[in-house]
C-alpha cells in the first residue's frame, strides 16, 4: 500500500496524542502547497492517510506537527516541528511517526 501516514506519541506519558494538528505540504511549489490538514484521533493516528495511495507520487514533502499548540507549555522547545522527506518510489508506503514532548521530538521512517 502506497501513500503517506503518521502517528504521534507523547514521550512523557507513553500514550498516543489525540487532537494534534498535522499538515502535509508539497515542497515542489513556492510557497509550499498544503495538501492535507487534520487532527490525530484517540489512537494518535489520522483517520485517513495524509496522502492516499491513489494520489502517491515522487517528490519532496513536509509534515508539520503543531506541538506547541497541543502542549501549551511556555518553555517548550518548538512551536511547530517540520519533517521534510522525499518519496523516491511512489509504490512504497511512507509512515512517518512523531515522538514528542514539550522539550523533545524525534521521528523515523516506520513501516
Protein backbone atom coordinates (compact mmCIF):
# COMPACT_ATOMS: atom_id res chain seq x y z
CA UNK A 1 0.00 0.00 0.00
CA UNK A 2 1.49 3.35 -1.05
CA UNK A 3 0.86 6.81 0.37
CA UNK A 4 1.86 8.73 3.50
CA UNK A 5 0.69 8.10 7.05
CA UNK A 6 1.72 9.22 10.52
CA UNK A 7 1.00 8.83 14.19
CA UNK A 8 2.02 10.87 17.26
CA UNK A 9 3.11 9.59 20.67
CA UNK A 10 3.73 11.56 23.86
CA UNK A 11 7.15 10.59 25.24
CA UNK A 12 6.30 11.97 28.69
CA UNK A 13 3.29 9.71 29.18
CA UNK A 14 3.99 6.94 26.68
CA UNK A 15 0.50 7.41 25.28
CA UNK A 16 -0.88 8.45 21.87
CA UNK A 17 -1.59 12.14 21.40
CA UNK A 18 -5.17 12.90 20.49
CA UNK A 19 -6.18 16.12 18.76
CA UNK A 20 -2.79 17.31 17.49
CA UNK A 21 -2.98 19.24 14.23
CA UNK A 22 -0.86 17.74 11.45
CA UNK A 23 -0.47 19.12 7.93
CA UNK A 24 1.16 17.76 4.78
CA UNK A 25 2.82 20.14 2.31
CA UNK A 26 4.11 19.60 -1.22
CA UNK A 27 7.52 21.32 -1.48
CA UNK A 28 7.50 21.38 -5.30
CA UNK A 29 5.65 24.69 -5.09
CA UNK A 30 6.85 28.09 -3.86
CA UNK A 31 5.46 28.72 -1.36
CA UNK A 32 4.86 25.13 -0.30
CA UNK A 33 1.32 23.94 -1.07
CA UNK A 34 -0.73 22.46 1.76
CA UNK A 35 -2.26 19.15 0.66
CA UNK A 36 -3.87 17.94 3.89
CA UNK A 37 -4.75 19.31 7.31
CA UNK A 38 -6.18 17.05 10.00
CA UNK A 39 -6.03 16.16 13.69
CA UNK A 40 -4.96 12.93 15.31
CA UNK A 41 -7.59 10.60 16.74
CA UNK A 42 -7.67 8.86 20.15
CA UNK A 43 -5.04 6.38 18.91
CA UNK A 44 -2.68 9.22 17.88
CA UNK A 45 -3.25 8.42 14.20
CA UNK A 46 -5.09 10.26 11.49
CA UNK A 47 -8.43 8.86 10.39
CA UNK A 48 -7.31 8.92 6.76
CA UNK A 49 -3.81 8.80 5.24
CA UNK A 50 -2.05 12.14 4.88
CA UNK A 51 -1.73 11.15 1.22
CA UNK A 52 -3.85 8.34 -0.15
CA UNK A 53 -2.27 5.55 -2.18
CA UNK A 54 -4.13 6.69 -5.30
CA UNK A 55 -2.51 10.15 -5.03
CA UNK A 56 1.01 8.90 -4.23
CA UNK A 57 3.81 10.38 -6.29
CA UNK A 58 7.52 11.06 -6.07
CA UNK A 59 8.73 14.39 -4.75
CA UNK A 60 9.66 16.36 -1.66
CA UNK A 61 7.13 16.75 1.15
CA UNK A 62 6.86 18.20 4.62
CA UNK A 63 4.78 17.13 7.60
CA UNK A 64 4.09 19.90 10.13
CA UNK A 65 3.27 18.83 13.66
CA UNK A 66 1.81 21.60 15.83
CA UNK A 67 3.34 20.52 19.14
CA UNK A 68 3.24 23.96 20.80
CA UNK A 69 -0.47 24.30 20.08
CA UNK A 70 -1.03 20.89 21.65
CA UNK A 71 1.16 21.10 24.77
CA UNK A 72 0.63 24.82 25.52
CA UNK A 73 3.87 24.80 27.52
CA UNK A 74 5.55 28.26 27.74
CA UNK A 75 9.03 26.73 27.99
CA UNK A 76 8.52 24.33 25.07
CA UNK A 77 11.40 23.85 22.66
CA UNK A 78 9.35 24.15 19.46
CA UNK A 79 6.04 25.51 18.33
CA UNK A 80 5.95 23.58 15.04
CA UNK A 81 8.04 20.54 14.18
CA UNK A 82 8.71 20.29 10.44
CA UNK A 83 9.74 16.95 8.97
CA UNK A 84 10.95 17.14 5.36
CA UNK A 85 11.37 13.96 3.37
CA UNK A 86 11.50 12.70 -0.20
CA UNK A 87 9.46 9.99 -1.85
CA UNK A 88 11.60 8.18 -4.39
CA UNK A 89 9.26 5.26 -5.05
CA UNK A 90 5.56 6.15 -5.17
CA UNK A 91 4.63 2.46 -4.97
CA UNK A 92 6.02 2.25 -1.41
CA UNK A 93 4.22 3.29 1.77
CA UNK A 94 5.85 6.07 3.80
CA UNK A 95 4.95 6.08 7.50
CA UNK A 96 6.45 8.99 9.47
CA UNK A 97 5.79 8.71 13.22
CA UNK A 98 6.39 11.62 15.60
CA UNK A 99 7.54 11.01 19.17
CA UNK A 100 7.40 14.22 21.19
CA UNK A 101 7.09 16.10 24.45
CA UNK A 102 7.24 19.86 25.01
CA UNK A 103 11.07 19.65 25.03
CA UNK A 104 11.91 16.79 22.68
CA UNK A 105 10.91 15.40 19.30
CA UNK A 106 12.11 12.53 17.15
CA UNK A 107 10.94 10.78 14.02
CA UNK A 108 11.90 7.88 11.79
CA UNK A 109 10.62 6.04 8.76
CA UNK A 110 8.23 3.49 10.15
CA UNK A 111 6.58 0.55 8.50
